[in-house]
Amino acid sequence: MGMLVILLVAASFAITMAIIPAAIRRLEEKGIVATDYYKKDLRKVPTRGGVALLCVVTFMLSSAMLAQHLWHTRLVTKADLVSTLVVMMFGIFGALDDSMDIHRGLKIVFPFFLALPLTLTTNTTVMPLPLVGGVDLGVFYLYLIVPLYVMVVANLVNMHSGFNGLACGLSIILMATLLVKVMMSGGDFFMLSCMLGAALGFFWYNKYPSRIFLGNVGSFLLGAALGAAIVIHGFLVSGFIMLIPHTVNFLMYVYWRVMHRLHPDDERWKIVKFGRVRDDGTLEVPNSLTLKWALPYRRRMTEKQTVLAMYALTIPFCVAAVFIPY
């Protein structure tokens, strides 16, 4: 199992590393770029690079299915197949959002239905609760908890982004943690291995200073991979622990929106999307109402330092999650 995981991660990594330079050139030629507001020169960076991740995962699945047919070897389980297809659907939805700017309400709700096929591979209806034990929720677990969990995770990953390498780097940390847990429990590893390898390859070009951005297609793809791996293996509690920083970021944002709605004329609650860079290279952010802005609002920090701080904040929660079996 360990050797096969390494091979899948390495293959996905190598393919992604090979195709991203061509993707960068193509996106630049087509003018599919976004402004990097945290650079003094406000450079234009190719975006929607997550399409490359979608292509890699599709290729890996097709190749594995072909190899499985030709050599009669078991590479892809039913759970792997369904979860990979769900991840691909989330990626396509993200690509549509990048192209059409889907309404925020639909962006939040529609992924619920994209995650419903995961109920075909969920073998339990018991909701694990610390100190209480398992509670059998029956069909409510299958048709409410499972798709809702994936939908929430995908949106959490999509929201906790905005700096070079932030969303991709955090997703790598989370996926690596989940893969360790999956290997310890003997679970289904194909989708997670391919996604981790592809994300590692993409990160080389996405880390500071980014040469390509994920776009919504990439963040939804990564978020769906995390959510699907969590629910398929029953890691709902440990998954929640890992995602505490993402959840805190979401709650901070909700508080900000509520206060803006209550006090629309107060500058403190004005809705702004980006900060800027000072002459000394440190970040000047509008407020401390998202997790990634909290530290640079209180002390002078560069973008790279802030991203590393977000990694450091997530790692302890991931370490703790490794030792939680459910």
C-alpha atoms as a PDB file:
ATOM      1  CA  MET A   1       0.000   0.000   0.000  1.00  0.00           C
ATOM      2  CA  GLY A   2       2.725   2.452   0.966  1.00  0.00           C
ATOM      3  CA  MET A   3       4.648   1.961  -2.276  1.00  0.00           C
ATOM      4  CA  LEU A   4       1.514   2.408  -4.384  1.00  0.00           C
ATOM      5  CA  VAL A   5       0.662   5.626  -2.549  1.00  0.00           C
ATOM      6  CA  ILE A   6       4.163   6.943  -3.213  1.00  0.00           C
ATOM      7  CA  LEU A   7       3.889   6.040  -6.914  1.00  0.00           C
ATOM      8  CA  LEU A   8       0.502   7.771  -7.266  1.00  0.00           C
ATOM      9  CA  VAL A   9       1.702  10.910  -5.494  1.00  0.00           C
ATOM     10  CA  ALA A  10       4.921  10.982  -7.549  1.00  0.00           C
ATOM     11  CA  ALA A  11       3.131  10.421 -10.872  1.00  0.00           C
ATOM     12  CA  SER A  12       0.556  13.158 -10.213  1.00  0.00           C
ATOM     13  CA  PHE A  13       3.310  15.496  -9.041  1.00  0.00           C
ATOM     14  CA  ALA A  14       5.468  14.891 -12.126  1.00  0.00           C
ATOM     15  CA  ILE A  15       2.581  15.355 -14.572  1.00  0.00           C
ATOM     16  CA  THR A  16       1.472  18.575 -12.883  1.00  0.00           C
ATOM     17  CA  MET A  17       5.011  19.965 -12.840  1.00  0.00           C
ATOM     18  CA  ALA A  18       5.285  19.195 -16.547  1.00  0.00           C
ATOM     19  CA  ILE A  19       2.043  20.812 -17.708  1.00  0.00           C
ATOM     20  CA  ILE A  20       1.859  23.946 -15.552  1.00  0.00           C
ATOM     21  CA  PRO A  21       4.443  25.969 -17.577  1.00  0.00           C
ATOM     22  CA  ALA A  22       2.372  25.364 -20.741  1.00  0.00           C
ATOM     23  CA  ALA A  23      -0.793  26.274 -18.827  1.00  0.00           C
ATOM     24  CA  ILE A  24       0.796  29.537 -17.669  1.00  0.00           C
ATOM     25  CA  ARG A  25       1.718  30.484 -21.237  1.00  0.00           C
ATOM     26  CA  ARG A  26      -1.700  29.567 -22.580  1.00  0.00           C
ATOM     27  CA  LEU A  27      -3.588  31.505 -19.908  1.00  0.00           C
ATOM     28  CA  GLU A  28      -1.399  34.551 -20.536  1.00  0.00           C
ATOM     29  CA  GLU A  29      -2.045  34.328 -24.277  1.00  0.00           C
ATOM     30  CA  LYS A  30      -5.795  34.181 -23.669  1.00  0.00           C
ATOM     31  CA  GLY A  31      -5.662  37.066 -21.193  1.00  0.00           C
ATOM     32  CA  ILE A  32      -7.021  34.927 -18.363  1.00  0.00           C
ATOM     33  CA  VAL A  33      -5.176  36.789 -15.632  1.00  0.00           C
ATOM     34  CA  ALA A  34      -5.907  38.413 -12.281  1.00  0.00           C
ATOM     35  CA  THR A  35      -4.262  41.318 -10.498  1.00  0.00           C
ATOM     36  CA  ASP A  36      -1.973  40.423  -7.606  1.00  0.00           C
ATOM     37  CA  TYR A  37      -2.949  43.225  -5.235  1.00  0.00           C
ATOM     38  CA  TYR A  38      -0.247  42.320  -2.732  1.00  0.00           C
ATOM     39  CA  LYS A  39       2.609  43.237  -5.062  1.00  0.00           C
ATOM     40  CA  LYS A  40       3.842  46.803  -5.510  1.00  0.00           C
ATOM     41  CA  ASP A  41       3.695  46.548  -9.305  1.00  0.00           C
ATOM     42  CA  LEU A  42       0.113  45.115  -9.259  1.00  0.00           C
ATOM     43  CA  ARG A  43       1.271  42.448 -11.686  1.00  0.00           C
ATOM     44  CA  LYS A  44      -1.096  40.321 -13.718  1.00  0.00           C
ATOM     45  CA  VAL A  45      -0.900  36.609 -12.878  1.00  0.00           C
ATOM     46  CA  PRO A  46      -2.517  33.776 -14.872  1.00  0.00           C
ATOM     47  CA  THR A  47      -5.521  32.425 -13.007  1.00  0.00           C
ATOM     48  CA  ARG A  48      -7.902  29.428 -13.159  1.00  0.00           C
ATOM     49  CA  GLY A  49      -4.831  27.199 -12.946  1.00  0.00           C
ATOM     50  CA  GLY A  50      -6.888  24.667 -11.036  1.00  0.00           C
ATOM     51  CA  VAL A  51      -8.044  23.405 -14.432  1.00  0.00           C
ATOM     52  CA  ALA A  52      -4.624  21.745 -14.674  1.00  0.00           C
ATOM     53  CA  LEU A  53      -5.325  19.878 -11.423  1.00  0.00           C
ATOM     54  CA  LEU A  54      -8.681  18.777 -12.834  1.00  0.00           C
ATOM     55  CA  CYS A  55      -6.964  17.464 -15.968  1.00  0.00           C
ATOM     56  CA  VAL A  56      -4.333  15.584 -13.961  1.00  0.00           C
ATOM     57  CA  VAL A  57      -6.883  13.879 -11.720  1.00  0.00           C
ATOM     58  CA  THR A  58      -9.003  12.959 -14.760  1.00  0.00           C
ATOM     59  CA  PHE A  59      -5.944  11.491 -16.491  1.00  0.00           C
ATOM     60  CA  MET A  60      -4.904   9.534 -13.418  1.00  0.00           C
ATOM     61  CA  LEU A  61      -8.390   8.065 -12.984  1.00  0.00           C
ATOM     62  CA  SER A  62      -8.677   7.108 -16.669  1.00  0.00           C
ATOM     63  CA  SER A  63      -5.200   5.551 -16.662  1.00  0.00           C
ATOM     64  CA  ALA A  64      -5.895   3.585 -13.490  1.00  0.00           C
ATOM     65  CA  MET A  65      -9.212   2.281 -14.842  1.00  0.00           C
ATOM     66  CA  LEU A  66      -7.512   1.217 -18.079  1.00  0.00           C
ATOM     67  CA  ALA A  67      -4.685  -0.507 -16.208  1.00  0.00           C
ATOM     68  CA  GLN A  68      -7.218  -2.207 -13.969  1.00  0.00           C
ATOM     69  CA  HIS A  69      -9.012  -3.571 -17.039  1.00  0.00           C
ATOM     70  CA  LEU A  70      -5.892  -4.673 -18.917  1.00  0.00           C
ATOM     71  CA  TRP A  71      -3.984  -6.253 -16.063  1.00  0.00           C
ATOM     72  CA  HIS A  72      -6.914  -7.327 -13.880  1.00  0.00           C
ATOM     73  CA  THR A  73      -5.467  -5.567 -10.864  1.00  0.00           C
ATOM     74  CA  ARG A  74      -7.420  -3.589  -8.290  1.00  0.00           C
ATOM     75  CA  LEU A  75      -6.263   0.018  -8.305  1.00  0.00           C
ATOM     76  CA  VAL A  76      -9.524   1.944  -7.920  1.00  0.00           C
ATOM     77  CA  THR A  77     -12.233   0.958  -5.463  1.00  0.00           C
ATOM     78  CA  LYS A  78     -15.863   1.978  -5.781  1.00  0.00           C
ATOM     79  CA  ALA A  79     -15.291   4.615  -3.098  1.00  0.00           C
ATOM     80  CA  ASP A  80     -12.274   5.953  -5.012  1.00  0.00           C
ATOM     81  CA  LEU A  81     -14.238   6.103  -8.257  1.00  0.00           C
ATOM     82  CA  VAL A  82     -17.251   7.893  -6.785  1.00  0.00           C
ATOM     83  CA  SER A  83     -15.177  10.333  -4.716  1.00  0.00           C
ATOM     84  CA  THR A  84     -12.965  11.191  -7.702  1.00  0.00           C
ATOM     85  CA  LEU A  85     -15.996  11.842  -9.889  1.00  0.00           C
ATOM     86  CA  VAL A  86     -17.505  14.067  -7.179  1.00  0.00           C
ATOM     87  CA  VAL A  87     -14.228  15.994  -6.934  1.00  0.00           C
ATOM     88  CA  MET A  88     -14.211  16.442 -10.712  1.00  0.00           C
ATOM     89  CA  MET A  89     -17.801  17.765 -10.626  1.00  0.00           C
ATOM     90  CA  PHE A  90     -16.816  20.287  -7.969  1.00  0.00           C
ATOM     91  CA  GLY A  91     -13.907  21.348 -10.163  1.00  0.00           C
ATOM     92  CA  ILE A  92     -16.206  21.841 -13.143  1.00  0.00           C
ATOM     93  CA  PHE A  93     -18.581  23.858 -10.958  1.00  0.00           C
ATOM     94  CA  GLY A  94     -15.645  26.030  -9.876  1.00  0.00           C
ATOM     95  CA  ALA A  95     -14.658  26.529 -13.514  1.00  0.00           C
ATOM     96  CA  LEU A  96     -18.198  27.681 -14.292  1.00  0.00           C
ATOM     97  CA  ASP A  97     -18.018  30.070 -11.353  1.00  0.00           C
ATOM     98  CA  ASP A  98     -14.760  31.500 -12.694  1.00  0.00           C
ATOM     99  CA  SER A  99     -16.367  32.017 -16.110  1.00  0.00           C
ATOM    100  CA  MET A 100     -19.867  33.135 -15.131  1.00  0.00           C
ATOM    101  CA  ASP A 101     -19.473  34.516 -11.591  1.00  0.00           C
ATOM    102  CA  ILE A 102     -22.220  32.350 -10.099  1.00  0.00           C
ATOM    103  CA  HIS A 103     -24.412  34.042  -7.471  1.00  0.00           C
ATOM    104  CA  ARG A 104     -23.032  33.643  -3.942  1.00  0.00           C
ATOM    105  CA  GLY A 105     -26.172  31.893  -2.670  1.00  0.00           C
ATOM    106  CA  LEU A 106     -26.080  29.300  -5.438  1.00  0.00           C
ATOM    107  CA  LYS A 107     -22.331  28.862  -4.926  1.00  0.00           C
ATOM    108  CA  ILE A 108     -22.984  27.933  -1.309  1.00  0.00           C
ATOM    109  CA  VAL A 109     -26.014  25.655  -1.833  1.00  0.00           C
ATOM    110  CA  PHE A 110     -25.510  23.887  -5.186  1.00  0.00           C
ATOM    111  CA  PRO A 111     -22.396  21.906  -4.095  1.00  0.00           C
ATOM    112  CA  PHE A 112     -24.702  20.086  -1.646  1.00  0.00           C
ATOM    113  CA  PHE A 113     -26.266  18.261  -4.595  1.00  0.00           C
ATOM    114  CA  LEU A 114     -22.907  17.608  -6.239  1.00  0.00           C
ATOM    115  CA  ALA A 115     -21.828  15.707  -3.112  1.00  0.00           C
ATOM    116  CA  LEU A 116     -24.907  13.438  -2.945  1.00  0.00           C
ATOM    117  CA  PRO A 117     -23.287  10.555  -4.941  1.00  0.00           C
ATOM    118  CA  LEU A 118     -20.980   9.993  -1.960  1.00  0.00           C
ATOM    119  CA  THR A 119     -23.941   8.397  -0.186  1.00  0.00           C
ATOM    120  CA  LEU A 120     -23.389   5.387  -2.495  1.00  0.00           C
ATOM    121  CA  THR A 121     -20.052   4.652  -0.825  1.00  0.00           C
ATOM    122  CA  THR A 122     -20.878   5.523   2.789  1.00  0.00           C
ATOM    123  CA  ASN A 123     -21.153   2.299   4.773  1.00  0.00           C
ATOM    124  CA  THR A 124     -22.338   3.767   8.055  1.00  0.00           C
ATOM    125  CA  THR A 125     -25.084   6.040   9.304  1.00  0.00           C
ATOM    126  CA  VAL A 126     -23.554   6.507  12.752  1.00  0.00           C
ATOM    127  CA  MET A 127     -22.496  10.021  13.692  1.00  0.00           C
ATOM    128  CA  PRO A 128     -19.491   9.883  16.063  1.00  0.00           C
ATOM    129  CA  LEU A 129     -19.777  12.293  18.994  1.00  0.00           C
ATOM    130  CA  PRO A 130     -16.980  12.742  21.562  1.00  0.00           C
ATOM    131  CA  LEU A 131     -17.901  11.717  25.129  1.00  0.00           C
ATOM    132  CA  VAL A 132     -21.328  10.596  23.916  1.00  0.00           C
ATOM    133  CA  GLY A 133     -20.472   7.829  21.462  1.00  0.00           C
ATOM    134  CA  GLY A 134     -22.053   7.034  18.140  1.00  0.00           C
ATOM    135  CA  VAL A 135     -25.560   8.179  17.289  1.00  0.00           C
ATOM    136  CA  ASP A 136     -27.313   6.400  14.418  1.00  0.00           C
ATOM    137  CA  LEU A 137     -28.967   9.079  12.304  1.00  0.00           C
ATOM    138  CA  GLY A 138     -30.113   6.762   9.520  1.00  0.00           C
ATOM    139  CA  VAL A 139     -31.018   8.439   6.239  1.00  0.00           C
ATOM    140  CA  PHE A 140     -30.416  11.867   7.754  1.00  0.00           C
ATOM    141  CA  TYR A 141     -26.723  11.012   7.999  1.00  0.00           C
ATOM    142  CA  LEU A 142     -26.585   9.821   4.388  1.00  0.00           C
ATOM    143  CA  TYR A 143     -28.615  12.522   2.701  1.00  0.00           C
ATOM    144  CA  LEU A 144     -27.961  15.491   4.962  1.00  0.00           C
ATOM    145  CA  ILE A 145     -24.744  15.171   6.990  1.00  0.00           C
ATOM    146  CA  VAL A 146     -22.553  13.668   4.236  1.00  0.00           C
ATOM    147  CA  PRO A 147     -23.298  16.165   1.420  1.00  0.00           C
ATOM    148  CA  LEU A 148     -23.542  19.076   3.867  1.00  0.00           C
ATOM    149  CA  TYR A 149     -20.098  18.283   5.287  1.00  0.00           C
ATOM    150  CA  VAL A 150     -18.486  18.204   1.830  1.00  0.00           C
ATOM    151  CA  MET A 151     -20.275  21.379   0.765  1.00  0.00           C
ATOM    152  CA  VAL A 152     -19.098  23.217   3.881  1.00  0.00           C
ATOM    153  CA  VAL A 153     -15.477  22.047   3.536  1.00  0.00           C
ATOM    154  CA  ALA A 154     -15.341  23.088  -0.130  1.00  0.00           C
ATOM    155  CA  ASN A 155     -16.608  26.568   0.753  1.00  0.00           C
ATOM    156  CA  LEU A 156     -14.256  26.877   3.747  1.00  0.00           C
ATOM    157  CA  VAL A 157     -11.242  26.176   1.525  1.00  0.00           C
ATOM    158  CA  ASN A 158     -12.538  28.580  -1.109  1.00  0.00           C
ATOM    159  CA  MET A 159     -12.914  31.359   1.477  1.00  0.00           C
ATOM    160  CA  HIS A 160      -9.596  30.896   3.298  1.00  0.00           C
ATOM    161  CA  SER A 161      -7.460  32.131   0.418  1.00  0.00           C
ATOM    162  CA  GLY A 162      -6.196  35.372  -1.096  1.00  0.00           C
ATOM    163  CA  PHE A 163      -2.420  35.239  -0.542  1.00  0.00           C
ATOM    164  CA  ASN A 164       0.184  33.498  -2.689  1.00  0.00           C
ATOM    165  CA  GLY A 165       0.243  29.794  -1.815  1.00  0.00           C
ATOM    166  CA  LEU A 166      -2.262  30.082   1.027  1.00  0.00           C
ATOM    167  CA  ALA A 167      -5.149  27.859  -0.105  1.00  0.00           C
ATOM    168  CA  CYS A 168      -2.912  25.363  -1.914  1.00  0.00           C
ATOM    169  CA  GLY A 169      -0.379  25.103   0.915  1.00  0.00           C
ATOM    170  CA  LEU A 170      -3.029  24.646   3.590  1.00  0.00           C
ATOM    171  CA  SER A 171      -4.782  22.012   1.473  1.00  0.00           C
ATOM    172  CA  ILE A 172      -1.511  20.103   1.107  1.00  0.00           C
ATOM    173  CA  ILE A 173      -1.073  20.052   4.890  1.00  0.00           C
ATOM    174  CA  LEU A 174      -4.652  18.843   5.361  1.00  0.00           C
ATOM    175  CA  MET A 175      -4.498  16.216   2.605  1.00  0.00           C
ATOM    176  CA  ALA A 176      -1.161  14.869   3.862  1.00  0.00           C
ATOM    177  CA  THR A 177      -2.707  14.487   7.326  1.00  0.00           C
ATOM    178  CA  LEU A 178      -5.736  12.685   5.918  1.00  0.00           C
ATOM    179  CA  LEU A 179      -3.536  10.404   3.827  1.00  0.00           C
ATOM    180  CA  VAL A 180      -1.583   9.407   6.942  1.00  0.00           C
ATOM    181  CA  LYS A 181      -4.861   8.590   8.705  1.00  0.00           C
ATOM    182  CA  VAL A 182      -6.132   6.651   5.685  1.00  0.00           C
ATOM    183  CA  MET A 183      -2.941   4.578   5.531  1.00  0.00           C
ATOM    184  CA  MET A 184      -3.152   3.894   9.263  1.00  0.00           C
ATOM    185  CA  SER A 185      -6.737   2.665   8.893  1.00  0.00           C
ATOM    186  CA  GLY A 186      -6.264   0.821   5.594  1.00  0.00           C
ATOM    187  CA  GLY A 187      -8.791   2.980   3.732  1.00  0.00           C
ATOM    188  CA  ASP A 188      -9.219   4.016   0.108  1.00  0.00           C
ATOM    189  CA  PHE A 189      -6.273   6.140  -0.969  1.00  0.00           C
ATOM    190  CA  PHE A 190      -6.367   6.612  -4.772  1.00  0.00           C
ATOM    191  CA  MET A 191      -8.174   9.951  -4.992  1.00  0.00           C
ATOM    192  CA  LEU A 192      -6.362  11.494  -2.043  1.00  0.00           C
ATOM    193  CA  SER A 193      -2.940  10.369  -3.313  1.00  0.00           C
ATOM    194  CA  CYS A 194      -3.548  11.800  -6.784  1.00  0.00           C
ATOM    195  CA  MET A 195      -4.868  15.078  -5.408  1.00  0.00           C
ATOM    196  CA  LEU A 196      -1.953  15.451  -3.006  1.00  0.00           C
ATOM    197  CA  GLY A 197       0.600  14.852  -5.758  1.00  0.00           C
ATOM    198  CA  ALA A 198      -1.123  17.291  -8.104  1.00  0.00           C
ATOM    199  CA  ALA A 199      -1.378  19.941  -5.363  1.00  0.00           C
ATOM    200  CA  LEU A 200       2.332  19.564  -4.545  1.00  0.00           C
ATOM    201  CA  GLY A 201       3.213  20.075  -8.198  1.00  0.00           C
ATOM    202  CA  PHE A 202       0.961  23.111  -8.463  1.00  0.00           C
ATOM    203  CA  PHE A 203       2.326  24.586  -5.240  1.00  0.00           C
ATOM    204  CA  TRP A 204       5.792  24.931  -6.787  1.00  0.00           C
ATOM    205  CA  TYR A 205       4.345  27.557  -9.150  1.00  0.00           C
ATOM    206  CA  ASN A 206       1.746  28.942  -6.734  1.00  0.00           C
ATOM    207  CA  LYS A 207       3.975  29.666  -3.728  1.00  0.00           C
ATOM    208  CA  TYR A 208       5.275  33.198  -3.154  1.00  0.00           C
ATOM    209  CA  PRO A 209       5.713  34.877  -5.580  1.00  0.00           C
ATOM    210  CA  SER A 210       2.926  33.134  -7.481  1.00  0.00           C
ATOM    211  CA  ARG A 211       3.297  32.495 -11.174  1.00  0.00           C
ATOM    212  CA  ILE A 212      -0.233  31.096 -11.387  1.00  0.00           C
ATOM    213  CA  PHE A 213      -3.395  31.235  -9.261  1.00  0.00           C
ATOM    214  CA  LEU A 214      -5.805  28.388  -8.479  1.00  0.00           C
ATOM    215  CA  GLY A 215      -9.030  30.212  -9.263  1.00  0.00           C
ATOM    216  CA  ASN A 216     -12.338  28.922  -7.901  1.00  0.00           C
ATOM    217  CA  VAL A 217     -11.919  25.771  -9.988  1.00  0.00           C
ATOM    218  CA  GLY A 218      -8.838  24.864  -7.957  1.00  0.00           C
ATOM    219  CA  SER A 219     -10.114  25.799  -4.513  1.00  0.00           C
ATOM    220  CA  PHE A 220     -13.412  23.935  -5.013  1.00  0.00           C
ATOM    221  CA  LEU A 221     -11.484  20.926  -6.342  1.00  0.00           C
ATOM    222  CA  LEU A 222      -9.180  20.811  -3.321  1.00  0.00           C
ATOM    223  CA  GLY A 223     -12.003  21.470  -0.864  1.00  0.00           C
ATOM    224  CA  ALA A 224     -14.126  18.693  -2.347  1.00  0.00           C
ATOM    225  CA  ALA A 225     -11.204  16.263  -2.163  1.00  0.00           C
ATOM    226  CA  LEU A 226     -10.768  17.031   1.525  1.00  0.00           C
ATOM    227  CA  GLY A 227     -14.480  16.799   2.304  1.00  0.00           C
ATOM    228  CA  ALA A 228     -14.962  13.586   0.343  1.00  0.00           C
ATOM    229  CA  ALA A 229     -11.983  11.869   2.005  1.00  0.00           C
ATOM    230  CA  ILE A 230     -13.261  12.882   5.439  1.00  0.00           C
ATOM    231  CA  VAL A 231     -16.823  11.585   5.041  1.00  0.00           C
ATOM    232  CA  ILE A 232     -15.913   8.381   3.183  1.00  0.00           C
ATOM    233  CA  HIS A 233     -13.552   7.300   5.953  1.00  0.00           C
ATOM    234  CA  GLY A 234     -15.748   8.514   8.808  1.00  0.00           C
ATOM    235  CA  PHE A 235     -13.229  11.106  10.026  1.00  0.00           C
ATOM    236  CA  LEU A 236     -15.891  13.700  10.789  1.00  0.00           C
ATOM    237  CA  VAL A 237     -14.567  14.666  14.223  1.00  0.00           C
ATOM    238  CA  SER A 238     -10.877  14.688  13.312  1.00  0.00           C
ATOM    239  CA  GLY A 239     -11.801  16.507  10.097  1.00  0.00           C
ATOM    240  CA  PHE A 240     -13.514  19.186  12.144  1.00  0.00           C
ATOM    241  CA  ILE A 241     -10.402  19.505  14.333  1.00  0.00           C
ATOM    242  CA  MET A 242      -8.142  19.937  11.294  1.00  0.00           C
ATOM    243  CA  LEU A 243     -10.409  22.599   9.861  1.00  0.00           C
ATOM    244  CA  ILE A 244     -10.791  24.716  13.002  1.00  0.00           C
ATOM    245  CA  PRO A 245      -8.687  27.583  11.556  1.00  0.00           C
ATOM    246  CA  HIS A 246     -10.783  27.528   8.369  1.00  0.00           C
ATOM    247  CA  THR A 247     -13.952  27.530  10.479  1.00  0.00           C
ATOM    248  CA  VAL A 248     -12.717  30.447  12.583  1.00  0.00           C
ATOM    249  CA  ASN A 249     -11.988  32.361   9.369  1.00  0.00           C
ATOM    250  CA  PHE A 250     -15.542  31.710   8.192  1.00  0.00           C
ATOM    251  CA  LEU A 251     -17.087  32.827  11.505  1.00  0.00           C
ATOM    252  CA  MET A 252     -15.009  36.002  11.451  1.00  0.00           C
ATOM    253  CA  TYR A 253     -16.262  36.742   7.965  1.00  0.00           C
ATOM    254  CA  VAL A 254     -19.889  36.092   8.974  1.00  0.00           C
ATOM    255  CA  TYR A 255     -19.480  38.494  11.914  1.00  0.00           C
ATOM    256  CA  TRP A 256     -18.082  41.106   9.526  1.00  0.00           C
ATOM    257  CA  ARG A 257     -21.032  40.748   7.134  1.00  0.00           C
ATOM    258  CA  VAL A 258     -23.564  40.933   9.972  1.00  0.00           C
ATOM    259  CA  MET A 259     -21.978  44.086  11.383  1.00  0.00           C
ATOM    260  CA  HIS A 260     -21.891  45.647   7.938  1.00  0.00           C
ATOM    261  CA  ARG A 261     -25.576  44.905   7.507  1.00  0.00           C
ATOM    262  CA  LEU A 262     -26.352  46.484  10.897  1.00  0.00           C
ATOM    263  CA  HIS A 263     -24.071  49.493  10.369  1.00  0.00           C
ATOM    264  CA  PRO A 264     -23.805  50.045   6.597  1.00  0.00           C
ATOM    265  CA  ASP A 265     -22.416  53.591   6.951  1.00  0.00           C
ATOM    266  CA  ASP A 266     -19.711  52.746   9.474  1.00  0.00           C
ATOM    267  CA  GLU A 267     -16.269  52.623   7.823  1.00  0.00           C
ATOM    268  CA  ARG A 268     -15.106  49.985  10.288  1.00  0.00           C
ATOM    269  CA  TRP A 269     -17.425  47.413   8.714  1.00  0.00           C
ATOM    270  CA  LYS A 270     -17.039  48.424   5.082  1.00  0.00           C
ATOM    271  CA  ILE A 271     -16.782  45.381   2.800  1.00  0.00           C
ATOM    272  CA  VAL A 272     -13.422  45.384   1.037  1.00  0.00           C
ATOM    273  CA  LYS A 273     -11.735  42.500  -0.739  1.00  0.00           C
ATOM    274  CA  PHE A 274      -8.057  43.436  -0.788  1.00  0.00           C
ATOM    275  CA  GLY A 275      -5.425  45.322   1.127  1.00  0.00           C
ATOM    276  CA  ARG A 276      -2.192  46.673  -0.283  1.00  0.00           C
ATOM    277  CA  VAL A 277       1.578  46.591   0.186  1.00  0.00           C
ATOM    278  CA  ARG A 278       3.519  49.325   1.983  1.00  0.00           C
ATOM    279  CA  ASP A 279       6.798  50.686   0.656  1.00  0.00           C
ATOM    280  CA  ASP A 280       8.724  48.428   3.041  1.00  0.00           C
ATOM    281  CA  GLY A 281       7.008  45.328   1.602  1.00  0.00           C
ATOM    282  CA  THR A 282       4.699  44.686   4.561  1.00  0.00           C
ATOM    283  CA  LEU A 283       0.958  44.283   4.245  1.00  0.00           C
ATOM    284  CA  GLU A 284      -1.520  47.042   4.944  1.00  0.00           C
ATOM    285  CA  VAL A 285      -4.896  45.372   5.451  1.00  0.00           C
ATOM    286  CA  PRO A 286      -8.255  47.121   6.033  1.00  0.00           C
ATOM    287  CA  ASN A 287      -9.206  45.295   9.239  1.00  0.00           C
ATOM    288  CA  SER A 288      -8.661  42.151  11.301  1.00  0.00           C
ATOM    289  CA  LEU A 289     -11.946  40.522  10.342  1.00  0.00           C
ATOM    290  CA  THR A 290     -10.518  37.544   8.464  1.00  0.00           C
ATOM    291  CA  LEU A 291      -7.939  35.134   9.813  1.00  0.00           C
ATOM    292  CA  LYS A 292      -5.317  35.984   7.210  1.00  0.00           C
ATOM    293  CA  TRP A 293      -5.625  39.702   8.040  1.00  0.00           C
ATOM    294  CA  ALA A 294      -5.614  39.341  11.832  1.00  0.00           C
ATOM    295  CA  LEU A 295      -1.821  39.240  12.297  1.00  0.00           C
ATOM    296  CA  PRO A 296      -0.728  41.797   9.665  1.00  0.00           C
ATOM    297  CA  TYR A 297      -3.356  44.207  11.013  1.00  0.00           C
ATOM    298  CA  ARG A 298      -1.658  44.180  14.431  1.00  0.00           C
ATOM    299  CA  ARG A 299       1.988  43.994  13.406  1.00  0.00           C
ATOM    300  CA  ARG A 300       4.035  44.591  10.290  1.00  0.00           C
ATOM    301  CA  MET A 301       4.306  41.349   8.325  1.00  0.00           C
ATOM    302  CA  THR A 302       5.047  40.490   4.724  1.00  0.00           C
ATOM    303  CA  GLU A 303       2.728  38.335   2.648  1.00  0.00           C
ATOM    304  CA  LYS A 304       5.137  35.404   2.848  1.00  0.00           C
ATOM    305  CA  GLN A 305       5.415  35.680   6.639  1.00  0.00           C
ATOM    306  CA  THR A 306       1.649  35.799   6.985  1.00  0.00           C
ATOM    307  CA  VAL A 307       1.163  32.689   4.852  1.00  0.00           C
ATOM    308  CA  LEU A 308       3.795  30.798   6.869  1.00  0.00           C
ATOM    309  CA  ALA A 309       1.972  31.858  10.038  1.00  0.00           C
ATOM    310  CA  MET A 310      -1.266  30.407   8.649  1.00  0.00           C
ATOM    311  CA  TYR A 311       0.540  27.134   7.934  1.00  0.00           C
ATOM    312  CA  ALA A 312       1.961  27.101  11.454  1.00  0.00           C
ATOM    313  CA  LEU A 313      -1.500  27.715  12.899  1.00  0.00           C
ATOM    314  CA  THR A 314      -3.021  24.759  11.024  1.00  0.00           C
ATOM    315  CA  ILE A 315      -0.285  22.170  11.680  1.00  0.00           C
ATOM    316  CA  PRO A 316      -0.976  21.633  15.429  1.00  0.00           C
ATOM    317  CA  PHE A 317      -4.648  20.933  14.707  1.00  0.00           C
ATOM    318  CA  CYS A 318      -3.605  18.407  12.043  1.00  0.00           C
ATOM    319  CA  VAL A 319      -1.197  16.694  14.432  1.00  0.00           C
ATOM    320  CA  ALA A 320      -3.952  16.423  17.038  1.00  0.00           C
ATOM    321  CA  ALA A 321      -6.348  15.033  14.411  1.00  0.00           C
ATOM    322  CA  VAL A 322      -3.979  12.160  13.583  1.00  0.00           C
ATOM    323  CA  PHE A 323      -4.593  10.663  17.019  1.00  0.00           C
ATOM    324  CA  ILE A 324      -8.380  10.948  16.845  1.00  0.00           C
ATOM    325  CA  PRO A 325      -9.759   7.764  15.246  1.00  0.00           C
ATOM    326  CA  TYR A 326     -13.102   9.137  14.057  1.00  0.00           C
END
